[in-house]
């Protein structure tokens, strides 16, 4: 999904909320789904990586050129330069 499609889908969800067709919880689920799709089906030079370990990083998804850069991004976001981080491409995890 490209950025314009993601924005259009979020705009449609907001319009449905404003029209009374969605409640806030449904709006949040819809927008979260758009963002997850955008991140994991990103169209560009970067790929999505999901951190699996340690617990403090588990579940984080970042965009990076490779697994090394993904680990660095997670460390930067957590402000933990020495943290041992495990990542996998977001489309390959199980569960």
PDB file of N, CA and C in Angstrom:
ATOM      1  N   UNK A   1       0.850  -1.168   0.000  1.00  0.00           N
ATOM      2  CA  UNK A   1       0.000   0.000   0.000  1.00  0.00           C
ATOM      3  C   UNK A   1       0.896   1.232   0.000  1.00  0.00           C
ATOM      4  N   UNK A   2       0.575   2.183  -0.874  1.00  0.00           N
ATOM      5  CA  UNK A   2       1.368   3.411  -0.886  1.00  0.00           C
ATOM      6  C   UNK A   2       0.782   4.442   0.075  1.00  0.00           C
ATOM      7  N   UNK A   3       1.503   5.496   0.285  1.00  0.00           N
ATOM      8  CA  UNK A   3       1.117   6.513   1.261  1.00  0.00           C
ATOM      9  C   UNK A   3      -0.233   7.150   0.927  1.00  0.00           C
ATOM     10  N   UNK A   4      -0.456   7.449  -0.350  1.00  0.00           N
ATOM     11  CA  UNK A   4      -1.709   8.086  -0.754  1.00  0.00           C
ATOM     12  C   UNK A   4      -2.896   7.164  -0.471  1.00  0.00           C
ATOM     13  N   UNK A   5      -2.760   5.882  -0.764  1.00  0.00           N
ATOM     14  CA  UNK A   5      -3.838   4.923  -0.475  1.00  0.00           C
ATOM     15  C   UNK A   5      -4.101   4.833   1.020  1.00  0.00           C
ATOM     16  N   UNK A   6      -3.032   4.808   1.811  1.00  0.00           N
ATOM     17  CA  UNK A   6      -3.196   4.745   3.264  1.00  0.00           C
ATOM     18  C   UNK A   6      -3.927   5.978   3.774  1.00  0.00           C
ATOM     19  N   UNK A   7      -3.524   7.143   3.310  1.00  0.00           N
ATOM     20  CA  UNK A   7      -4.188   8.379   3.737  1.00  0.00           C
ATOM     21  C   UNK A   7      -5.654   8.401   3.313  1.00  0.00           C
ATOM     22  N   UNK A   8      -5.915   7.931   2.114  1.00  0.00           N
ATOM     23  CA  UNK A   8      -7.293   7.879   1.620  1.00  0.00           C
ATOM     24  C   UNK A   8      -8.137   6.945   2.491  1.00  0.00           C
ATOM     25  N   UNK A   9      -7.572   5.794   2.868  1.00  0.00           N
ATOM     26  CA  UNK A   9      -8.301   4.850   3.711  1.00  0.00           C
ATOM     27  C   UNK A   9      -8.551   5.419   5.108  1.00  0.00           C
ATOM     28  N   UNK A  10      -7.583   6.145   5.659  1.00  0.00           N
ATOM     29  CA  UNK A  10      -7.787   6.785   6.960  1.00  0.00           C
ATOM     30  C   UNK A  10      -8.856   7.868   6.829  1.00  0.00           C
ATOM     31  N   UNK A  11      -8.808   8.655   5.772  1.00  0.00           N
ATOM     32  CA  UNK A  11      -9.817   9.693   5.543  1.00  0.00           C
ATOM     33  C   UNK A  11     -11.214   9.082   5.437  1.00  0.00           C
ATOM     34  N   UNK A  12     -11.338   7.949   4.744  1.00  0.00           N
ATOM     35  CA  UNK A  12     -12.634   7.277   4.630  1.00  0.00           C
ATOM     36  C   UNK A  12     -13.134   6.806   5.993  1.00  0.00           C
ATOM     37  N   UNK A  13     -12.228   6.298   6.810  1.00  0.00           N
ATOM     38  CA  UNK A  13     -12.609   5.854   8.155  1.00  0.00           C
ATOM     39  C   UNK A  13     -13.055   7.046   9.003  1.00  0.00           C
ATOM     40  N   UNK A  14     -12.345   8.166   8.914  1.00  0.00           N
ATOM     41  CA  UNK A  14     -12.744   9.362   9.657  1.00  0.00           C
ATOM     42  C   UNK A  14     -14.108   9.867   9.202  1.00  0.00           C
ATOM     43  N   UNK A  15     -14.349   9.838   7.906  1.00  0.00           N
ATOM     44  CA  UNK A  15     -15.651  10.275   7.382  1.00  0.00           C
ATOM     45  C   UNK A  15     -16.767   9.374   7.897  1.00  0.00           C
ATOM     46  N   UNK A  16     -16.521   8.065   7.942  1.00  0.00           N
ATOM     47  CA  UNK A  16     -17.528   7.138   8.467  1.00  0.00           C
ATOM     48  C   UNK A  16     -17.785   7.405   9.945  1.00  0.00           C
ATOM     49  N   UNK A  17     -16.753   7.723  10.707  1.00  0.00           N
ATOM     50  CA  UNK A  17     -16.906   8.061  12.120  1.00  0.00           C
ATOM     51  C   UNK A  17     -17.740   9.331  12.279  1.00  0.00           C
ATOM     52  N   UNK A  18     -17.404  10.346  11.484  1.00  0.00           N
ATOM     53  CA  UNK A  18     -18.129  11.610  11.562  1.00  0.00           C
ATOM     54  C   UNK A  18     -19.592  11.456  11.163  1.00  0.00           C
ATOM     55  N   UNK A  19     -19.878  10.523  10.251  1.00  0.00           N
ATOM     56  CA  UNK A  19     -21.250  10.277   9.796  1.00  0.00           C
ATOM     57  C   UNK A  19     -22.033   9.400  10.770  1.00  0.00           C
ATOM     58  N   UNK A  20     -21.345   8.885  11.776  1.00  0.00           N
ATOM     59  CA  UNK A  20     -22.009   8.028  12.743  1.00  0.00           C
ATOM     60  C   UNK A  20     -22.067   6.572  12.339  1.00  0.00           C
ATOM     61  N   UNK A  21     -21.325   6.211  11.289  1.00  0.00           N
ATOM     62  CA  UNK A  21     -21.314   4.826  10.817  1.00  0.00           C
ATOM     63  C   UNK A  21     -20.326   3.947  11.578  1.00  0.00           C
ATOM     64  N   UNK A  22     -19.412   4.560  12.324  1.00  0.00           N
ATOM     65  CA  UNK A  22     -18.435   3.848  13.150  1.00  0.00           C
ATOM     66  C   UNK A  22     -18.399   4.487  14.531  1.00  0.00           C
ATOM     67  N   UNK A  23     -18.183   3.669  15.544  1.00  0.00           N
ATOM     68  CA  UNK A  23     -17.886   4.238  16.854  1.00  0.00           C
ATOM     69  C   UNK A  23     -16.368   4.396  16.970  1.00  0.00           C
ATOM     70  N   UNK A  24     -15.899   4.983  18.062  1.00  0.00           N
ATOM     71  CA  UNK A  24     -14.467   5.255  18.204  1.00  0.00           C
ATOM     72  C   UNK A  24     -13.638   3.975  18.175  1.00  0.00           C
ATOM     73  N   UNK A  25     -14.092   2.928  18.842  1.00  0.00           N
ATOM     74  CA  UNK A  25     -13.333   1.673  18.862  1.00  0.00           C
ATOM     75  C   UNK A  25     -13.198   1.094  17.454  1.00  0.00           C
ATOM     76  N   UNK A  26     -14.267   1.145  16.672  1.00  0.00           N
ATOM     77  CA  UNK A  26     -14.211   0.636  15.294  1.00  0.00           C
ATOM     78  C   UNK A  26     -13.297   1.500  14.438  1.00  0.00           C
ATOM     79  N   UNK A  27     -13.356   2.825  14.654  1.00  0.00           N
ATOM     80  CA  UNK A  27     -12.460   3.736  13.937  1.00  0.00           C
ATOM     81  C   UNK A  27     -11.006   3.402  14.248  1.00  0.00           C
ATOM     82  N   UNK A  28     -10.702   3.205  15.534  1.00  0.00           N
ATOM     83  CA  UNK A  28      -9.327   2.880  15.930  1.00  0.00           C
ATOM     84  C   UNK A  28      -8.865   1.577  15.284  1.00  0.00           C
ATOM     85  N   UNK A  29      -9.720   0.560  15.275  1.00  0.00           N
ATOM     86  CA  UNK A  29      -9.351  -0.722  14.646  1.00  0.00           C
ATOM     87  C   UNK A  29      -9.089  -0.544  13.158  1.00  0.00           C
ATOM     88  N   UNK A  30      -9.953   0.222  12.499  1.00  0.00           N
ATOM     89  CA  UNK A  30      -9.800   0.419  11.062  1.00  0.00           C
ATOM     90  C   UNK A  30      -8.507   1.172  10.747  1.00  0.00           C
ATOM     91  N   UNK A  31      -8.242   2.237  11.489  1.00  0.00           N
ATOM     92  CA  UNK A  31      -7.021   3.018  11.251  1.00  0.00           C
ATOM     93  C   UNK A  31      -5.794   2.186  11.585  1.00  0.00           C
ATOM     94  N   UNK A  32      -5.848   1.422  12.666  1.00  0.00           N
ATOM     95  CA  UNK A  32      -4.719   0.552  13.012  1.00  0.00           C
ATOM     96  C   UNK A  32      -4.468  -0.459  11.899  1.00  0.00           C
ATOM     97  N   UNK A  33      -5.524  -1.017  11.343  1.00  0.00           N
ATOM     98  CA  UNK A  33      -5.378  -1.961  10.231  1.00  0.00           C
ATOM     99  C   UNK A  33      -4.730  -1.311   9.024  1.00  0.00           C
ATOM    100  N   UNK A  34      -5.127  -0.084   8.721  1.00  0.00           N
ATOM    101  CA  UNK A  34      -4.517   0.646   7.600  1.00  0.00           C
ATOM    102  C   UNK A  34      -3.031   0.845   7.856  1.00  0.00           C
ATOM    103  N   UNK A  35      -2.685   1.273   9.063  1.00  0.00           N
ATOM    104  CA  UNK A  35      -1.278   1.527   9.382  1.00  0.00           C
ATOM    105  C   UNK A  35      -0.448   0.255   9.344  1.00  0.00           C
ATOM    106  N   UNK A  36      -1.001  -0.855   9.863  1.00  0.00           N
ATOM    107  CA  UNK A  36      -0.266  -2.126   9.818  1.00  0.00           C
ATOM    108  C   UNK A  36      -0.063  -2.594   8.383  1.00  0.00           C
ATOM    109  N   UNK A  37      -1.098  -2.439   7.569  1.00  0.00           N
ATOM    110  CA  UNK A  37      -0.976  -2.827   6.158  1.00  0.00           C
ATOM    111  C   UNK A  37       0.068  -1.954   5.471  1.00  0.00           C
ATOM    112  N   UNK A  38       0.006  -0.652   5.716  1.00  0.00           N
ATOM    113  CA  UNK A  38       0.975   0.266   5.118  1.00  0.00           C
ATOM    114  C   UNK A  38       2.399  -0.125   5.499  1.00  0.00           C
ATOM    115  N   UNK A  39       2.623  -0.392   6.774  1.00  0.00           N
ATOM    116  CA  UNK A  39       3.967  -0.705   7.253  1.00  0.00           C
ATOM    117  C   UNK A  39       4.467  -2.037   6.722  1.00  0.00           C
ATOM    118  N   UNK A  40       3.611  -3.052   6.684  1.00  0.00           N
ATOM    119  CA  UNK A  40       4.078  -4.384   6.305  1.00  0.00           C
ATOM    120  C   UNK A  40       4.060  -4.622   4.802  1.00  0.00           C
ATOM    121  N   UNK A  41       3.323  -3.787   4.060  1.00  0.00           N
ATOM    122  CA  UNK A  41       3.315  -3.901   2.602  1.00  0.00           C
ATOM    123  C   UNK A  41       3.913  -2.651   1.976  1.00  0.00           C
ATOM    124  N   UNK A  42       4.844  -2.064   2.689  1.00  0.00           N
ATOM    125  CA  UNK A  42       5.470  -0.818   2.267  1.00  0.00           C
ATOM    126  C   UNK A  42       6.044  -0.954   0.874  1.00  0.00           C
ATOM    127  N   UNK A  43       5.760   0.023   0.024  1.00  0.00           N
ATOM    128  CA  UNK A  43       6.271   0.036  -1.346  1.00  0.00           C
ATOM    129  C   UNK A  43       7.417   1.036  -1.426  1.00  0.00           C
ATOM    130  N   UNK A  44       8.614   0.540  -1.421  1.00  0.00           N
ATOM    131  CA  UNK A  44       9.776   1.408  -1.477  1.00  0.00           C
ATOM    132  C   UNK A  44      11.038   0.602  -1.283  1.00  0.00           C
ATOM    133  N   UNK A  45      12.141   1.281  -1.020  1.00  0.00           N
ATOM    134  CA  UNK A  45      13.428   0.626  -0.864  1.00  0.00           C
ATOM    135  C   UNK A  45      13.587  -0.052   0.489  1.00  0.00           C
ATOM    136  N   UNK A  46      12.722   0.270   1.430  1.00  0.00           N
ATOM    137  CA  UNK A  46      12.815  -0.288   2.766  1.00  0.00           C
ATOM    138  C   UNK A  46      11.863  -1.467   2.924  1.00  0.00           C
ATOM    139  N   UNK A  47      12.130  -2.297   3.926  1.00  0.00           N
ATOM    140  CA  UNK A  47      11.259  -3.414   4.259  1.00  0.00           C
ATOM    141  C   UNK A  47      10.898  -3.333   5.731  1.00  0.00           C
ATOM    142  N   UNK A  48       9.788  -3.957   6.073  1.00  0.00           N
ATOM    143  CA  UNK A  48       9.344  -3.958   7.466  1.00  0.00           C
ATOM    144  C   UNK A  48      10.001  -5.113   8.211  1.00  0.00           C
ATOM    145  N   UNK A  49      10.482  -4.828   9.414  1.00  0.00           N
ATOM    146  CA  UNK A  49      11.079  -5.835  10.302  1.00  0.00           C
ATOM    147  C   UNK A  49      10.391  -5.754  11.654  1.00  0.00           C
ATOM    148  N   UNK A  50      10.117  -6.926  12.234  1.00  0.00           N
ATOM    149  CA  UNK A  50       9.490  -7.008  13.553  1.00  0.00           C
ATOM    150  C   UNK A  50      10.521  -7.497  14.558  1.00  0.00           C
ATOM    151  N   UNK A  51      10.636  -6.765  15.664  1.00  0.00           N
ATOM    152  CA  UNK A  51      11.528  -7.180  16.754  1.00  0.00           C
ATOM    153  C   UNK A  51      10.831  -8.258  17.577  1.00  0.00           C
ATOM    154  N   UNK A  52      11.576  -9.293  17.946  1.00  0.00           N
ATOM    155  CA  UNK A  52      10.992 -10.377  18.733  1.00  0.00           C
ATOM    156  C   UNK A  52      11.634 -10.517  20.112  1.00  0.00           C
ATOM    157  N   UNK A  53      12.793  -9.932  20.291  1.00  0.00           N
ATOM    158  CA  UNK A  53      13.489 -10.060  21.560  1.00  0.00           C
ATOM    159  C   UNK A  53      14.437  -8.872  21.684  1.00  0.00           C
ATOM    160  N   UNK A  54      14.667  -8.368  22.842  1.00  0.00           N
ATOM    161  CA  UNK A  54      14.147  -8.750  24.155  1.00  0.00           C
ATOM    162  C   UNK A  54      12.697  -8.282  24.321  1.00  0.00           C
ATOM    163  N   UNK A  55      12.113  -8.617  25.463  1.00  0.00           N
ATOM    164  CA  UNK A  55      10.705  -8.310  25.716  1.00  0.00           C
ATOM    165  C   UNK A  55      10.379  -6.838  25.495  1.00  0.00           C
ATOM    166  N   UNK A  56      11.267  -5.979  25.870  1.00  0.00           N
ATOM    167  CA  UNK A  56      10.990  -4.535  25.770  1.00  0.00           C
ATOM    168  C   UNK A  56      10.861  -4.077  24.327  1.00  0.00           C
ATOM    169  N   UNK A  57      11.414  -4.835  23.384  1.00  0.00           N
ATOM    170  CA  UNK A  57      11.326  -4.481  21.968  1.00  0.00           C
ATOM    171  C   UNK A  57      10.314  -5.348  21.215  1.00  0.00           C
ATOM    172  N   UNK A  58       9.851  -6.417  21.836  1.00  0.00           N
ATOM    173  CA  UNK A  58       8.989  -7.392  21.152  1.00  0.00           C
ATOM    174  C   UNK A  58       7.760  -6.723  20.553  1.00  0.00           C
ATOM    175  N   UNK A  59       7.543  -7.014  19.276  1.00  0.00           N
ATOM    176  CA  UNK A  59       6.379  -6.499  18.572  1.00  0.00           C
ATOM    177  C   UNK A  59       6.618  -5.203  17.825  1.00  0.00           C
ATOM    178  N   UNK A  60       7.719  -4.524  18.099  1.00  0.00           N
ATOM    179  CA  UNK A  60       8.003  -3.283  17.375  1.00  0.00           C
ATOM    180  C   UNK A  60       8.237  -3.609  15.910  1.00  0.00           C
ATOM    181  N   UNK A  61       7.670  -2.810  15.024  1.00  0.00           N
ATOM    182  CA  UNK A  61       7.902  -2.955  13.592  1.00  0.00           C
ATOM    183  C   UNK A  61       8.534  -1.665  13.109  1.00  0.00           C
ATOM    184  N   UNK A  62       9.653  -1.812  12.401  1.00  0.00           N
ATOM    185  CA  UNK A  62      10.368  -0.665  11.845  1.00  0.00           C
ATOM    186  C   UNK A  62      10.651  -0.918  10.376  1.00  0.00           C
ATOM    187  N   UNK A  63      10.869   0.146   9.637  1.00  0.00           N
ATOM    188  CA  UNK A  63      11.279   0.036   8.237  1.00  0.00           C
ATOM    189  C   UNK A  63      12.785   0.235   8.166  1.00  0.00           C
ATOM    190  N   UNK A  64      13.442  -0.634   7.398  1.00  0.00           N
ATOM    191  CA  UNK A  64      14.905  -0.551   7.271  1.00  0.00           C
ATOM    192  C   UNK A  64      15.339  -1.249   5.982  1.00  0.00           C
ATOM    193  N   UNK A  65      16.566  -1.018   5.578  1.00  0.00           N
ATOM    194  CA  UNK A  65      17.114  -1.644   4.371  1.00  0.00           C
ATOM    195  C   UNK A  65      17.472  -3.120   4.588  1.00  0.00           C
ATOM    196  N   UNK A  66      17.862  -3.464   5.831  1.00  0.00           N
ATOM    197  CA  UNK A  66      18.259  -4.839   6.128  1.00  0.00           C
ATOM    198  C   UNK A  66      18.103  -5.084   7.622  1.00  0.00           C
ATOM    199  N   UNK A  67      18.369  -6.322   8.049  1.00  0.00           N
ATOM    200  CA  UNK A  67      18.163  -6.656   9.462  1.00  0.00           C
ATOM    201  C   UNK A  67      19.107  -5.887  10.386  1.00  0.00           C
ATOM    202  N   UNK A  68      20.331  -5.625   9.950  1.00  0.00           N
ATOM    203  CA  UNK A  68      21.267  -4.847  10.763  1.00  0.00           C
ATOM    204  C   UNK A  68      20.722  -3.451  11.007  1.00  0.00           C
ATOM    205  N   UNK A  69      20.257  -2.800   9.952  1.00  0.00           N
ATOM    206  CA  UNK A  69      19.700  -1.450  10.085  1.00  0.00           C
ATOM    207  C   UNK A  69      18.414  -1.475  10.925  1.00  0.00           C
ATOM    208  N   UNK A  70      17.639  -2.536  10.819  1.00  0.00           N
ATOM    209  CA  UNK A  70      16.416  -2.659  11.624  1.00  0.00           C
ATOM    210  C   UNK A  70      16.764  -2.740  13.105  1.00  0.00           C
ATOM    211  N   UNK A  71      17.773  -3.540  13.445  1.00  0.00           N
ATOM    212  CA  UNK A  71      18.191  -3.620  14.846  1.00  0.00           C
ATOM    213  C   UNK A  71      18.642  -2.250  15.361  1.00  0.00           C
ATOM    214  N   UNK A  72      19.384  -1.518  14.535  1.00  0.00           N
ATOM    215  CA  UNK A  72      19.833  -0.182  14.925  1.00  0.00           C
ATOM    216  C   UNK A  72      18.656   0.757  15.150  1.00  0.00           C
ATOM    217  N   UNK A  73      17.645   0.677  14.280  1.00  0.00           N
ATOM    218  CA  UNK A  73      16.466   1.540  14.439  1.00  0.00           C
ATOM    219  C   UNK A  73      15.746   1.248  15.738  1.00  0.00           C
ATOM    220  N   UNK A  74      15.582  -0.040  16.048  1.00  0.00           N
ATOM    221  CA  UNK A  74      14.916  -0.405  17.302  1.00  0.00           C
ATOM    222  C   UNK A  74      15.715   0.135  18.480  1.00  0.00           C
ATOM    223  N   UNK A  75      17.026  -0.050  18.456  1.00  0.00           N
ATOM    224  CA  UNK A  75      17.867   0.470  19.551  1.00  0.00           C
ATOM    225  C   UNK A  75      17.722   1.980  19.684  1.00  0.00           C
ATOM    226  N   UNK A  76      17.710   2.675  18.547  1.00  0.00           N
ATOM    227  CA  UNK A  76      17.571   4.132  18.573  1.00  0.00           C
ATOM    228  C   UNK A  76      16.223   4.543  19.163  1.00  0.00           C
ATOM    229  N   UNK A  77      15.159   3.871  18.750  1.00  0.00           N
ATOM    230  CA  UNK A  77      13.825   4.215  19.252  1.00  0.00           C
ATOM    231  C   UNK A  77      13.695   3.965  20.750  1.00  0.00           C
ATOM    232  N   UNK A  78      14.378   2.944  21.233  1.00  0.00           N
ATOM    233  CA  UNK A  78      14.342   2.620  22.657  1.00  0.00           C
ATOM    234  C   UNK A  78      15.420   3.342  23.447  1.00  0.00           C
ATOM    235  N   UNK A  79      16.270   4.091  22.742  1.00  0.00           N
ATOM    236  CA  UNK A  79      17.399   4.783  23.360  1.00  0.00           C
ATOM    237  C   UNK A  79      18.233   3.801  24.176  1.00  0.00           C
ATOM    238  N   UNK A  80      18.546   2.663  23.523  1.00  0.00           N
ATOM    239  CA  UNK A  80      19.302   1.590  24.185  1.00  0.00           C
ATOM    240  C   UNK A  80      20.351   1.058  23.214  1.00  0.00           C
ATOM    241  N   UNK A  81      21.464   1.776  23.025  1.00  0.00           N
ATOM    242  CA  UNK A  81      22.446   1.412  22.007  1.00  0.00           C
ATOM    243  C   UNK A  81      23.106   0.047  22.191  1.00  0.00           C
ATOM    244  N   UNK A  82      23.145  -0.472  23.410  1.00  0.00           N
ATOM    245  CA  UNK A  82      23.807  -1.754  23.662  1.00  0.00           C
ATOM    246  C   UNK A  82      22.838  -2.939  23.693  1.00  0.00           C
ATOM    247  N   UNK A  83      21.548  -2.698  23.466  1.00  0.00           N
ATOM    248  CA  UNK A  83      20.530  -3.732  23.557  1.00  0.00           C
ATOM    249  C   UNK A  83      20.720  -4.788  22.462  1.00  0.00           C
ATOM    250  N   UNK A  84      20.692  -6.067  22.832  1.00  0.00           N
ATOM    251  CA  UNK A  84      20.754  -7.164  21.859  1.00  0.00           C
ATOM    252  C   UNK A  84      19.342  -7.391  21.330  1.00  0.00           C
ATOM    253  N   UNK A  85      19.123  -7.062  20.051  1.00  0.00           N
ATOM    254  CA  UNK A  85      17.792  -7.105  19.451  1.00  0.00           C
ATOM    255  C   UNK A  85      17.749  -8.167  18.365  1.00  0.00           C
ATOM    256  N   UNK A  86      16.672  -8.955  18.353  1.00  0.00           N
ATOM    257  CA  UNK A  86      16.429  -9.918  17.278  1.00  0.00           C
ATOM    258  C   UNK A  86      15.287  -9.399  16.424  1.00  0.00           C
ATOM    259  N   UNK A  87      15.461  -9.436  15.089  1.00  0.00           N
ATOM    260  CA  UNK A  87      14.418  -8.996  14.167  1.00  0.00           C
ATOM    261  C   UNK A  87      14.233 -10.035  13.066  1.00  0.00           C
ATOM    262  N   UNK A  88      13.020 -10.057  12.511  1.00  0.00           N
ATOM    263  CA  UNK A  88      12.714 -10.877  11.343  1.00  0.00           C
ATOM    264  C   UNK A  88      11.884 -10.022  10.382  1.00  0.00           C
ATOM    265  N   UNK A  89      11.952 -10.323   9.096  1.00  0.00           N
ATOM    266  CA  UNK A  89      11.066  -9.593   8.170  1.00  0.00           C
ATOM    267  C   UNK A  89       9.617  -9.745   8.635  1.00  0.00           C
ATOM    268  N   UNK A  90       8.873  -8.655   8.645  1.00  0.00           N
ATOM    269  CA  UNK A  90       7.524  -8.640   9.227  1.00  0.00           C
ATOM    270  C   UNK A  90       6.581  -9.651   8.573  1.00  0.00           C
ATOM    271  N   UNK A  91       6.766  -9.980   7.334  1.00  0.00           N
ATOM    272  CA  UNK A  91       5.896 -10.934   6.667  1.00  0.00           C
ATOM    273  C   UNK A  91       6.246 -12.385   6.931  1.00  0.00           C
ATOM    274  N   UNK A  92       7.336 -12.656   7.632  1.00  0.00           N
ATOM    275  CA  UNK A  92       7.813 -14.031   7.828  1.00  0.00           C
ATOM    276  C   UNK A  92       7.600 -14.580   9.226  1.00  0.00           C
ATOM    277  N   UNK A  93       7.135 -13.733  10.173  1.00  0.00           N
ATOM    278  CA  UNK A  93       6.977 -14.241  11.529  1.00  0.00           C
ATOM    279  C   UNK A  93       5.790 -15.193  11.595  1.00  0.00           C
ATOM    280  N   UNK A  94       5.801 -16.042  12.576  1.00  0.00           N
ATOM    281  CA  UNK A  94       4.703 -16.980  12.769  1.00  0.00           C
ATOM    282  C   UNK A  94       3.904 -16.567  13.991  1.00  0.00           C
ATOM    283  N   UNK A  95       2.638 -17.008  14.036  1.00  0.00           N
ATOM    284  CA  UNK A  95       1.812 -16.706  15.202  1.00  0.00           C
ATOM    285  C   UNK A  95       1.103 -15.469  14.980  1.00  0.00           C
TER     286      UNK A  95
END
